[in-house]
Amino acid sequence: MMRWNSFAGTLVFGAVCAALLPAAWLLLGPVMGRDEAAALYLAAAGTLYAAGLAPSPRRSIWVGCVMGGLSLLLLVVARDLVEVAAGMALLLAGFRCCSLHRSGGTRTLAVEAVLGLGGLALAGLLAGPGPVGIALALWGYFLVQAVFFLVAGLRVRSLRPPDEDPFERARSRLLALLEEPEGS
């Protein structure tokens, strides 16, 4: 499965999603309505992005199913494209708070609030009528989301346990030093 859990990966994902949005608009728009097609595309892009951030393929499937279900619920409840975009930003922030941050707390919430609101603000500034305007807004949103990986002190959780406990490593070195012959 493709992963985009890096600054560059998020930039590429955002650019590809923005480039493909006009095609989805043209293909699905006549069948289901242009705004509904764009809303469905935003929900699918957000779900795919969250699944690609998960630390393992098994978790990606789980995240994709949960985010997909929540996205479908959002599509039923939301009245327009702006509400879908805001809801997807909230779902993505919630997912990252719960599964990617090593430590919870105020800093985590602050980082996600700034990135979510900043992404929506830039998307609002870049948004325009038609598929190109929506694609530009989507690209702007993911541009801000890429900053998540540049924030100092933020580490993505790993499912693998650490190779060795630092205390055990120090203890092993100390025992090796004590067992060395004196003339070495």
N, C-alpha and C. Protein backbone atom coordinates (compact mmCIF):
# COMPACT_ATOMS: atom_id res chain seq x y z
N MET A 1 0.84 -1.18 0.00
CA MET A 1 0.00 0.00 0.00
C MET A 1 0.88 1.24 0.00
N MET A 2 0.45 2.23 -0.72
CA MET A 2 1.18 3.50 -0.76
C MET A 2 1.11 4.18 0.60
N ARG A 3 2.22 4.82 0.99
CA ARG A 3 2.26 5.55 2.25
C ARG A 3 2.68 6.97 1.95
N TRP A 4 2.11 7.91 2.63
CA TRP A 4 2.49 9.32 2.45
C TRP A 4 2.68 9.97 3.80
N ASN A 5 3.31 9.26 4.71
CA ASN A 5 3.53 9.80 6.04
C ASN A 5 4.86 10.54 6.13
N SER A 6 5.00 11.52 5.25
CA SER A 6 6.17 12.41 5.27
C SER A 6 5.76 13.73 4.64
N PHE A 7 6.62 14.72 4.77
CA PHE A 7 6.33 16.03 4.19
C PHE A 7 6.18 15.91 2.67
N ALA A 8 7.16 15.32 2.03
CA ALA A 8 7.12 15.18 0.56
C ALA A 8 5.97 14.28 0.11
N GLY A 9 5.72 13.21 0.86
CA GLY A 9 4.63 12.31 0.51
C GLY A 9 3.28 13.01 0.54
N THR A 10 3.07 13.85 1.55
CA THR A 10 1.81 14.60 1.64
C THR A 10 1.70 15.62 0.52
N LEU A 11 2.81 16.26 0.16
CA LEU A 11 2.77 17.21 -0.95
C LEU A 11 2.41 16.52 -2.26
N VAL A 12 3.00 15.36 -2.51
CA VAL A 12 2.71 14.60 -3.72
C VAL A 12 1.27 14.12 -3.71
N PHE A 13 0.81 13.60 -2.57
CA PHE A 13 -0.57 13.15 -2.47
C PHE A 13 -1.54 14.29 -2.77
N GLY A 14 -1.30 15.45 -2.16
CA GLY A 14 -2.17 16.60 -2.40
C GLY A 14 -2.17 17.04 -3.86
N ALA A 15 -1.01 17.03 -4.48
CA ALA A 15 -0.92 17.44 -5.90
C ALA A 15 -1.66 16.45 -6.80
N VAL A 16 -1.50 15.15 -6.53
CA VAL A 16 -2.19 14.14 -7.35
C VAL A 16 -3.70 14.24 -7.15
N CYS A 17 -4.13 14.39 -5.90
CA CYS A 17 -5.57 14.54 -5.64
C CYS A 17 -6.14 15.77 -6.33
N ALA A 18 -5.41 16.87 -6.27
CA ALA A 18 -5.88 18.09 -6.92
C ALA A 18 -5.93 17.93 -8.43
N ALA A 19 -4.95 17.23 -8.99
CA ALA A 19 -4.92 17.03 -10.45
C ALA A 19 -6.04 16.13 -10.93
N LEU A 20 -6.43 15.16 -10.10
CA LEU A 20 -7.48 14.22 -10.50
C LEU A 20 -8.90 14.71 -10.23
N LEU A 21 -9.04 15.75 -9.41
CA LEU A 21 -10.38 16.24 -9.08
C LEU A 21 -11.19 16.69 -10.29
N PRO A 22 -10.62 17.44 -11.22
CA PRO A 22 -11.42 17.84 -12.39
C PRO A 22 -11.94 16.64 -13.20
N ALA A 23 -11.17 15.57 -13.29
CA ALA A 23 -11.63 14.38 -14.01
C ALA A 23 -12.82 13.76 -13.29
N ALA A 24 -12.73 13.66 -11.96
CA ALA A 24 -13.85 13.12 -11.19
C ALA A 24 -15.08 14.02 -11.32
N TRP A 25 -14.86 15.31 -11.34
CA TRP A 25 -15.93 16.30 -11.50
C TRP A 25 -16.65 16.08 -12.84
N LEU A 26 -15.85 15.90 -13.88
CA LEU A 26 -16.44 15.72 -15.21
C LEU A 26 -17.13 14.36 -15.38
N LEU A 27 -16.56 13.30 -14.77
CA LEU A 27 -17.15 11.97 -14.90
C LEU A 27 -18.38 11.78 -14.02
N LEU A 28 -18.29 12.20 -12.77
CA LEU A 28 -19.38 11.96 -11.83
C LEU A 28 -20.40 13.09 -11.79
N GLY A 29 -20.00 14.28 -12.18
CA GLY A 29 -20.89 15.44 -12.12
C GLY A 29 -22.21 15.26 -12.85
N PRO A 30 -22.20 14.80 -14.10
CA PRO A 30 -23.47 14.63 -14.81
C PRO A 30 -24.37 13.54 -14.20
N VAL A 31 -23.77 12.58 -13.54
CA VAL A 31 -24.55 11.48 -12.97
C VAL A 31 -25.18 11.86 -11.63
N MET A 32 -24.40 12.50 -10.75
CA MET A 32 -24.89 12.75 -9.40
C MET A 32 -24.94 14.23 -9.02
N GLY A 33 -24.57 15.11 -9.88
CA GLY A 33 -24.53 16.54 -9.56
C GLY A 33 -23.09 16.95 -9.27
N ARG A 34 -22.73 18.13 -9.69
CA ARG A 34 -21.34 18.58 -9.57
C ARG A 34 -20.90 18.75 -8.11
N ASP A 35 -21.72 19.39 -7.30
CA ASP A 35 -21.33 19.58 -5.89
C ASP A 35 -21.26 18.25 -5.14
N GLU A 36 -22.19 17.35 -5.42
CA GLU A 36 -22.17 16.04 -4.78
C GLU A 36 -20.94 15.24 -5.21
N ALA A 37 -20.57 15.35 -6.48
CA ALA A 37 -19.37 14.66 -6.97
C ALA A 37 -18.12 15.20 -6.28
N ALA A 38 -18.04 16.52 -6.13
CA ALA A 38 -16.89 17.12 -5.45
C ALA A 38 -16.86 16.71 -3.98
N ALA A 39 -18.02 16.67 -3.33
CA ALA A 39 -18.09 16.26 -1.92
C ALA A 39 -17.65 14.80 -1.76
N LEU A 40 -18.12 13.93 -2.64
CA LEU A 40 -17.71 12.53 -2.60
C LEU A 40 -16.21 12.39 -2.81
N TYR A 41 -15.66 13.18 -3.73
CA TYR A 41 -14.23 13.13 -4.00
C TYR A 41 -13.43 13.60 -2.77
N LEU A 42 -13.88 14.67 -2.12
CA LEU A 42 -13.19 15.15 -0.91
C LEU A 42 -13.21 14.09 0.19
N ALA A 43 -14.35 13.43 0.35
CA ALA A 43 -14.46 12.38 1.37
C ALA A 43 -13.54 11.21 1.03
N ALA A 44 -13.50 10.83 -0.23
CA ALA A 44 -12.63 9.72 -0.63
C ALA A 44 -11.16 10.10 -0.46
N ALA A 45 -10.78 11.31 -0.82
CA ALA A 45 -9.40 11.75 -0.69
C ALA A 45 -8.97 11.79 0.78
N GLY A 46 -9.83 12.30 1.65
CA GLY A 46 -9.52 12.34 3.08
C GLY A 46 -9.37 10.96 3.67
N THR A 47 -10.25 10.04 3.26
CA THR A 47 -10.18 8.67 3.74
C THR A 47 -8.90 7.99 3.28
N LEU A 48 -8.57 8.15 2.02
CA LEU A 48 -7.36 7.56 1.47
C LEU A 48 -6.11 8.14 2.13
N TYR A 49 -6.13 9.44 2.39
CA TYR A 49 -4.99 10.08 3.04
C TYR A 49 -4.79 9.52 4.46
N ALA A 50 -5.87 9.42 5.22
CA ALA A 50 -5.77 8.89 6.58
C ALA A 50 -5.28 7.45 6.57
N ALA A 51 -5.78 6.65 5.63
CA ALA A 51 -5.34 5.25 5.54
C ALA A 51 -3.86 5.17 5.21
N GLY A 52 -3.36 6.08 4.38
CA GLY A 52 -1.95 6.09 4.03
C GLY A 52 -1.04 6.58 5.14
N LEU A 53 -1.61 7.23 6.14
CA LEU A 53 -0.81 7.68 7.29
C LEU A 53 -0.65 6.61 8.35
N ALA A 54 -1.49 5.60 8.31
CA ALA A 54 -1.44 4.55 9.33
C ALA A 54 -0.09 3.84 9.30
N PRO A 55 0.40 3.42 10.47
CA PRO A 55 1.75 2.86 10.55
C PRO A 55 1.94 1.46 9.97
N SER A 56 0.87 0.74 9.65
CA SER A 56 1.03 -0.60 9.10
C SER A 56 -0.10 -0.88 8.10
N PRO A 57 0.10 -1.85 7.20
CA PRO A 57 -0.95 -2.17 6.23
C PRO A 57 -2.25 -2.64 6.91
N ARG A 58 -2.13 -3.41 7.96
CA ARG A 58 -3.33 -3.88 8.66
C ARG A 58 -4.09 -2.71 9.25
N ARG A 59 -3.37 -1.79 9.83
CA ARG A 59 -4.00 -0.62 10.42
C ARG A 59 -4.56 0.30 9.34
N SER A 60 -3.93 0.33 8.17
CA SER A 60 -4.44 1.13 7.05
C SER A 60 -5.83 0.68 6.64
N ILE A 61 -6.03 -0.63 6.61
CA ILE A 61 -7.35 -1.16 6.24
C ILE A 61 -8.38 -0.76 7.30
N TRP A 62 -8.01 -0.90 8.56
CA TRP A 62 -8.91 -0.53 9.64
C TRP A 62 -9.25 0.95 9.59
N VAL A 63 -8.23 1.79 9.43
CA VAL A 63 -8.44 3.24 9.37
C VAL A 63 -9.29 3.59 8.15
N GLY A 64 -9.02 2.96 7.02
CA GLY A 64 -9.80 3.22 5.82
C GLY A 64 -11.27 2.89 6.01
N CYS A 65 -11.55 1.78 6.67
CA CYS A 65 -12.95 1.40 6.92
C CYS A 65 -13.64 2.38 7.87
N VAL A 66 -12.97 2.73 8.96
CA VAL A 66 -13.56 3.64 9.93
C VAL A 66 -13.74 5.03 9.32
N MET A 67 -12.69 5.54 8.70
CA MET A 67 -12.78 6.88 8.07
C MET A 67 -13.80 6.88 6.93
N GLY A 68 -13.85 5.79 6.18
CA GLY A 68 -14.83 5.69 5.10
C GLY A 68 -16.25 5.74 5.63
N GLY A 69 -16.50 5.00 6.69
CA GLY A 69 -17.84 5.01 7.30
C GLY A 69 -18.21 6.38 7.85
N LEU A 70 -17.28 7.01 8.55
CA LEU A 70 -17.53 8.35 9.08
C LEU A 70 -17.70 9.37 7.96
N SER A 71 -16.94 9.20 6.88
CA SER A 71 -17.06 10.11 5.74
C SER A 71 -18.43 9.98 5.07
N LEU A 72 -18.91 8.75 4.94
CA LEU A 72 -20.24 8.55 4.36
C LEU A 72 -21.32 9.17 5.24
N LEU A 73 -21.16 9.01 6.55
CA LEU A 73 -22.10 9.65 7.48
C LEU A 73 -22.05 11.17 7.33
N LEU A 74 -20.86 11.70 7.19
CA LEU A 74 -20.69 13.14 6.98
C LEU A 74 -21.37 13.59 5.69
N LEU A 75 -21.23 12.81 4.63
CA LEU A 75 -21.87 13.16 3.36
C LEU A 75 -23.39 13.20 3.48
N VAL A 76 -23.95 12.35 4.32
CA VAL A 76 -25.40 12.34 4.52
C VAL A 76 -25.85 13.56 5.31
N VAL A 77 -25.05 13.96 6.31
CA VAL A 77 -25.43 15.04 7.22
C VAL A 77 -25.11 16.43 6.66
N ALA A 78 -24.00 16.57 5.98
CA ALA A 78 -23.54 17.89 5.51
C ALA A 78 -24.49 18.45 4.45
N ARG A 79 -24.67 19.77 4.50
CA ARG A 79 -25.58 20.41 3.55
C ARG A 79 -24.89 20.96 2.31
N ASP A 80 -23.60 21.23 2.41
CA ASP A 80 -22.90 21.76 1.24
C ASP A 80 -21.42 21.36 1.27
N LEU A 81 -20.70 21.77 0.26
CA LEU A 81 -19.30 21.39 0.10
C LEU A 81 -18.41 21.95 1.22
N VAL A 82 -18.73 23.14 1.71
CA VAL A 82 -17.95 23.74 2.79
C VAL A 82 -18.06 22.91 4.06
N GLU A 83 -19.26 22.43 4.35
CA GLU A 83 -19.44 21.59 5.54
C GLU A 83 -18.72 20.25 5.39
N VAL A 84 -18.70 19.70 4.19
CA VAL A 84 -17.96 18.46 3.95
C VAL A 84 -16.47 18.69 4.18
N ALA A 85 -15.94 19.79 3.66
CA ALA A 85 -14.51 20.09 3.83
C ALA A 85 -14.17 20.29 5.30
N ALA A 86 -14.99 21.03 6.02
CA ALA A 86 -14.74 21.25 7.45
C ALA A 86 -14.86 19.94 8.23
N GLY A 87 -15.84 19.13 7.90
CA GLY A 87 -16.01 17.85 8.58
C GLY A 87 -14.85 16.90 8.32
N MET A 88 -14.37 16.85 7.08
CA MET A 88 -13.23 15.99 6.77
C MET A 88 -11.97 16.47 7.48
N ALA A 89 -11.80 17.80 7.58
CA ALA A 89 -10.65 18.33 8.31
C ALA A 89 -10.73 17.93 9.78
N LEU A 90 -11.92 17.97 10.36
CA LEU A 90 -12.11 17.57 11.75
C LEU A 90 -11.85 16.07 11.92
N LEU A 91 -12.33 15.25 11.00
CA LEU A 91 -12.08 13.80 11.08
C LEU A 91 -10.59 13.49 10.98
N LEU A 92 -9.90 14.17 10.07
CA LEU A 92 -8.47 13.93 9.91
C LEU A 92 -7.70 14.36 11.15
N ALA A 93 -8.05 15.50 11.72
CA ALA A 93 -7.39 15.97 12.94
C ALA A 93 -7.65 14.98 14.08
N GLY A 94 -8.86 14.49 14.19
CA GLY A 94 -9.18 13.52 15.24
C GLY A 94 -8.40 12.23 15.06
N PHE A 95 -8.29 11.78 13.83
CA PHE A 95 -7.52 10.56 13.55
C PHE A 95 -6.06 10.75 13.95
N ARG A 96 -5.47 11.87 13.55
CA ARG A 96 -4.05 12.08 13.87
C ARG A 96 -3.83 12.25 15.37
N CYS A 97 -4.77 12.90 16.05
CA CYS A 97 -4.65 13.05 17.51
C CYS A 97 -4.65 11.70 18.20
N CYS A 98 -5.52 10.82 17.73
CA CYS A 98 -5.69 9.53 18.40
C CYS A 98 -4.63 8.51 18.02
N SER A 99 -4.07 8.60 16.82
CA SER A 99 -3.21 7.49 16.42
C SER A 99 -1.80 7.85 16.00
N LEU A 100 -1.50 9.08 15.71
CA LEU A 100 -0.15 9.39 15.24
C LEU A 100 0.72 10.12 16.25
N HIS A 101 0.13 10.89 17.14
CA HIS A 101 0.94 11.62 18.11
C HIS A 101 1.42 10.68 19.19
N ARG A 102 2.67 10.83 19.58
CA ARG A 102 3.22 10.00 20.63
C ARG A 102 2.65 10.38 21.99
N SER A 103 2.48 11.65 22.20
CA SER A 103 1.92 12.09 23.47
C SER A 103 0.67 12.91 23.20
N GLY A 104 -0.28 12.77 24.06
CA GLY A 104 -1.51 13.53 23.92
C GLY A 104 -1.36 14.86 24.62
N GLY A 105 -2.45 15.48 24.88
CA GLY A 105 -2.41 16.69 25.66
C GLY A 105 -2.64 17.96 24.86
N THR A 106 -2.34 19.04 25.52
CA THR A 106 -2.63 20.36 24.99
C THR A 106 -1.84 20.65 23.71
N ARG A 107 -0.58 20.26 23.68
CA ARG A 107 0.24 20.54 22.49
C ARG A 107 -0.32 19.83 21.26
N THR A 108 -0.72 18.59 21.42
CA THR A 108 -1.29 17.83 20.32
C THR A 108 -2.54 18.51 19.78
N LEU A 109 -3.42 18.90 20.68
CA LEU A 109 -4.65 19.58 20.27
C LEU A 109 -4.35 20.92 19.60
N ALA A 110 -3.37 21.63 20.14
CA ALA A 110 -3.02 22.93 19.56
C ALA A 110 -2.45 22.77 18.15
N VAL A 111 -1.57 21.80 17.96
CA VAL A 111 -0.98 21.55 16.64
C VAL A 111 -2.07 21.20 15.64
N GLU A 112 -2.96 20.29 16.02
CA GLU A 112 -4.03 19.88 15.10
C GLU A 112 -5.00 21.01 14.82
N ALA A 113 -5.30 21.83 15.83
CA ALA A 113 -6.20 22.97 15.61
C ALA A 113 -5.59 23.97 14.65
N VAL A 114 -4.32 24.28 14.84
CA VAL A 114 -3.65 25.24 13.95
C VAL A 114 -3.57 24.69 12.53
N LEU A 115 -3.19 23.43 12.38
CA LEU A 115 -3.09 22.85 11.04
C LEU A 115 -4.45 22.72 10.37
N GLY A 116 -5.45 22.31 11.12
CA GLY A 116 -6.79 22.18 10.55
C GLY A 116 -7.36 23.52 10.13
N LEU A 117 -7.31 24.48 11.03
CA LEU A 117 -7.84 25.81 10.70
C LEU A 117 -6.99 26.50 9.63
N GLY A 118 -5.67 26.32 9.71
CA GLY A 118 -4.80 26.91 8.69
C GLY A 118 -5.05 26.32 7.32
N GLY A 119 -5.24 25.00 7.27
CA GLY A 119 -5.54 24.34 6.00
C GLY A 119 -6.86 24.81 5.43
N LEU A 120 -7.87 24.92 6.29
CA LEU A 120 -9.17 25.40 5.81
C LEU A 120 -9.11 26.86 5.39
N ALA A 121 -8.33 27.66 6.11
CA ALA A 121 -8.20 29.08 5.75
C ALA A 121 -7.52 29.23 4.38
N LEU A 122 -6.43 28.50 4.16
CA LEU A 122 -5.76 28.57 2.86
C LEU A 122 -6.65 28.03 1.76
N ALA A 123 -7.37 26.96 2.03
CA ALA A 123 -8.29 26.41 1.04
C ALA A 123 -9.38 27.42 0.71
N GLY A 124 -9.87 28.12 1.72
CA GLY A 124 -10.88 29.15 1.48
C GLY A 124 -10.35 30.31 0.63
N LEU A 125 -9.09 30.67 0.86
CA LEU A 125 -8.49 31.75 0.07
C LEU A 125 -8.26 31.32 -1.39
N LEU A 126 -7.89 30.07 -1.59
CA LEU A 126 -7.57 29.59 -2.94
C LEU A 126 -8.80 29.12 -3.71
N ALA A 127 -9.88 28.83 -3.00
CA ALA A 127 -11.07 28.25 -3.64
C ALA A 127 -11.67 29.22 -4.65
N GLY A 128 -12.17 28.63 -5.71
CA GLY A 128 -12.86 29.40 -6.74
C GLY A 128 -13.97 28.56 -7.33
N PRO A 129 -14.70 29.13 -8.25
CA PRO A 129 -15.79 28.36 -8.86
C PRO A 129 -15.25 27.27 -9.79
N GLY A 130 -15.98 26.19 -9.88
CA GLY A 130 -15.63 25.13 -10.82
C GLY A 130 -14.60 24.17 -10.28
N PRO A 131 -14.25 23.19 -11.07
CA PRO A 131 -13.34 22.13 -10.61
C PRO A 131 -11.92 22.62 -10.35
N VAL A 132 -11.46 23.58 -11.11
CA VAL A 132 -10.09 24.07 -10.91
C VAL A 132 -9.98 24.81 -9.59
N GLY A 133 -10.99 25.58 -9.24
CA GLY A 133 -10.99 26.28 -7.96
C GLY A 133 -11.02 25.33 -6.78
N ILE A 134 -11.82 24.27 -6.88
CA ILE A 134 -11.89 23.28 -5.81
C ILE A 134 -10.59 22.50 -5.73
N ALA A 135 -10.01 22.17 -6.88
CA ALA A 135 -8.73 21.45 -6.90
C ALA A 135 -7.63 22.28 -6.26
N LEU A 136 -7.61 23.57 -6.56
CA LEU A 136 -6.62 24.46 -5.96
C LEU A 136 -6.79 24.53 -4.45
N ALA A 137 -8.03 24.58 -3.98
CA ALA A 137 -8.31 24.60 -2.54
C ALA A 137 -7.85 23.30 -1.89
N LEU A 138 -8.10 22.18 -2.55
CA LEU A 138 -7.67 20.88 -2.02
C LEU A 138 -6.15 20.81 -1.92
N TRP A 139 -5.47 21.29 -2.95
CA TRP A 139 -4.01 21.31 -2.92
C TRP A 139 -3.51 22.19 -1.79
N GLY A 140 -4.12 23.35 -1.60
CA GLY A 140 -3.72 24.25 -0.51
C GLY A 140 -3.91 23.62 0.86
N TYR A 141 -5.00 22.89 1.03
CA TYR A 141 -5.25 22.22 2.30
C TYR A 141 -4.14 21.21 2.59
N PHE A 142 -3.81 20.38 1.60
CA PHE A 142 -2.76 19.38 1.82
C PHE A 142 -1.38 20.02 1.96
N LEU A 143 -1.18 21.17 1.38
CA LEU A 143 0.07 21.90 1.56
C LEU A 143 0.28 22.23 3.04
N VAL A 144 -0.77 22.70 3.67
CA VAL A 144 -0.68 23.01 5.11
C VAL A 144 -0.56 21.72 5.93
N GLN A 145 -1.26 20.67 5.53
CA GLN A 145 -1.19 19.42 6.28
C GLN A 145 0.21 18.81 6.25
N ALA A 146 0.97 19.08 5.21
CA ALA A 146 2.34 18.57 5.11
C ALA A 146 3.22 19.13 6.23
N VAL A 147 2.88 20.30 6.74
CA VAL A 147 3.65 20.92 7.82
C VAL A 147 3.63 20.05 9.08
N PHE A 148 2.63 19.20 9.21
CA PHE A 148 2.52 18.28 10.34
C PHE A 148 3.84 17.54 10.56
N PHE A 149 4.51 17.16 9.48
CA PHE A 149 5.73 16.37 9.59
C PHE A 149 6.97 17.24 9.84
N LEU A 150 6.83 18.55 9.79
CA LEU A 150 7.96 19.44 10.03
C LEU A 150 7.95 20.05 11.43
N VAL A 151 6.84 19.89 12.14
CA VAL A 151 6.73 20.50 13.47
C VAL A 151 7.75 19.85 14.39
N ALA A 152 8.56 20.67 15.01
CA ALA A 152 9.64 20.17 15.86
C ALA A 152 9.08 19.38 17.05
N GLY A 153 9.73 18.28 17.35
CA GLY A 153 9.36 17.50 18.52
C GLY A 153 8.21 16.55 18.30
N LEU A 154 7.66 16.50 17.12
CA LEU A 154 6.53 15.62 16.85
C LEU A 154 7.06 14.36 16.21
N ARG A 155 6.72 13.23 16.77
CA ARG A 155 7.18 11.96 16.21
C ARG A 155 5.97 11.09 15.94
N VAL A 156 5.98 10.44 14.82
CA VAL A 156 4.90 9.53 14.47
C VAL A 156 5.08 8.24 15.24
N ARG A 157 4.00 7.72 15.76
CA ARG A 157 4.05 6.47 16.52
C ARG A 157 4.49 5.31 15.64
N SER A 158 5.19 4.39 16.24
CA SER A 158 5.59 3.17 15.55
C SER A 158 4.95 2.00 16.27
N LEU A 159 4.51 1.01 15.51
CA LEU A 159 3.93 -0.17 16.12
C LEU A 159 5.00 -1.13 16.61
N ARG A 160 6.23 -0.98 16.11
CA ARG A 160 7.32 -1.86 16.53
C ARG A 160 7.82 -1.43 17.90
N PRO A 161 8.09 -2.39 18.78
CA PRO A 161 8.69 -2.02 20.06
C PRO A 161 10.14 -1.59 19.82
N PRO A 162 10.68 -0.77 20.70
CA PRO A 162 12.08 -0.38 20.52
C PRO A 162 12.98 -1.61 20.53
N ASP A 163 14.09 -1.52 19.80
CA ASP A 163 14.99 -2.67 19.68
C ASP A 163 15.50 -3.13 21.04
N GLU A 164 15.89 -2.19 21.86
CA GLU A 164 16.43 -2.55 23.16
C GLU A 164 16.19 -1.40 24.13
N ASP A 165 15.92 -1.74 25.35
CA ASP A 165 15.72 -0.76 26.39
C ASP A 165 17.05 -0.05 26.66
N PRO A 166 17.06 1.28 26.77
CA PRO A 166 18.32 1.99 27.02
C PRO A 166 18.98 1.56 28.33
N PHE A 167 18.20 1.27 29.35
CA PHE A 167 18.76 0.81 30.62
C PHE A 167 19.47 -0.52 30.43
N GLU A 168 18.84 -1.44 29.70
CA GLU A 168 19.45 -2.74 29.45
C GLU A 168 20.74 -2.60 28.65
N ARG A 169 20.75 -1.69 27.69
CA ARG A 169 21.95 -1.46 26.88
C ARG A 169 23.09 -0.94 27.76
N ALA A 170 22.79 0.00 28.67
CA ALA A 170 23.81 0.53 29.57
C ALA A 170 24.30 -0.55 30.53
N ARG A 171 23.38 -1.36 31.01
CA ARG A 171 23.74 -2.45 31.92
C ARG A 171 24.67 -3.45 31.22
N SER A 172 24.36 -3.78 29.97
CA SER A 172 25.20 -4.71 29.22
C SER A 172 26.60 -4.16 29.03
N ARG A 173 26.72 -2.88 28.72
CA ARG A 173 28.04 -2.26 28.55
C ARG A 173 28.82 -2.28 29.86
N LEU A 174 28.13 -1.99 30.96
CA LEU A 174 28.79 -1.98 32.26
C LEU A 174 29.29 -3.38 32.62
N LEU A 175 28.47 -4.39 32.41
CA LEU A 175 28.89 -5.76 32.69
C LEU A 175 30.07 -6.17 31.82
N ALA A 176 30.07 -5.76 30.56
CA ALA A 176 31.19 -6.08 29.67
C ALA A 176 32.47 -5.42 30.16
N LEU A 177 32.37 -4.17 30.63
CA LEU A 177 33.54 -3.48 31.17
C LEU A 177 34.05 -4.17 32.43
N LEU A 178 33.15 -4.62 33.28
CA LEU A 178 33.56 -5.27 34.53
C LEU A 178 34.19 -6.63 34.29
N GLU A 179 33.82 -7.29 33.24
CA GLU A 179 34.33 -8.63 32.95
C GLU A 179 35.61 -8.59 32.11
N GLU A 180 36.02 -7.44 31.62
CA GLU A 180 37.24 -7.32 30.84
C GLU A 180 38.45 -7.59 31.72
N PRO A 181 39.46 -8.27 31.16
CA PRO A 181 40.70 -8.44 31.95
C PRO A 181 41.36 -7.08 32.16
N GLU A 182 42.12 -6.94 33.25
CA GLU A 182 42.70 -5.66 33.60
C GLU A 182 43.77 -5.19 32.65
N GLY A 183 44.43 -6.05 31.98
CA GLY A 183 45.54 -5.66 31.10
C GLY A 183 45.08 -5.19 29.71
N SER A 184 43.83 -5.24 29.40
CA SER A 184 43.37 -4.90 28.06
C SER A 184 43.33 -3.45 27.83
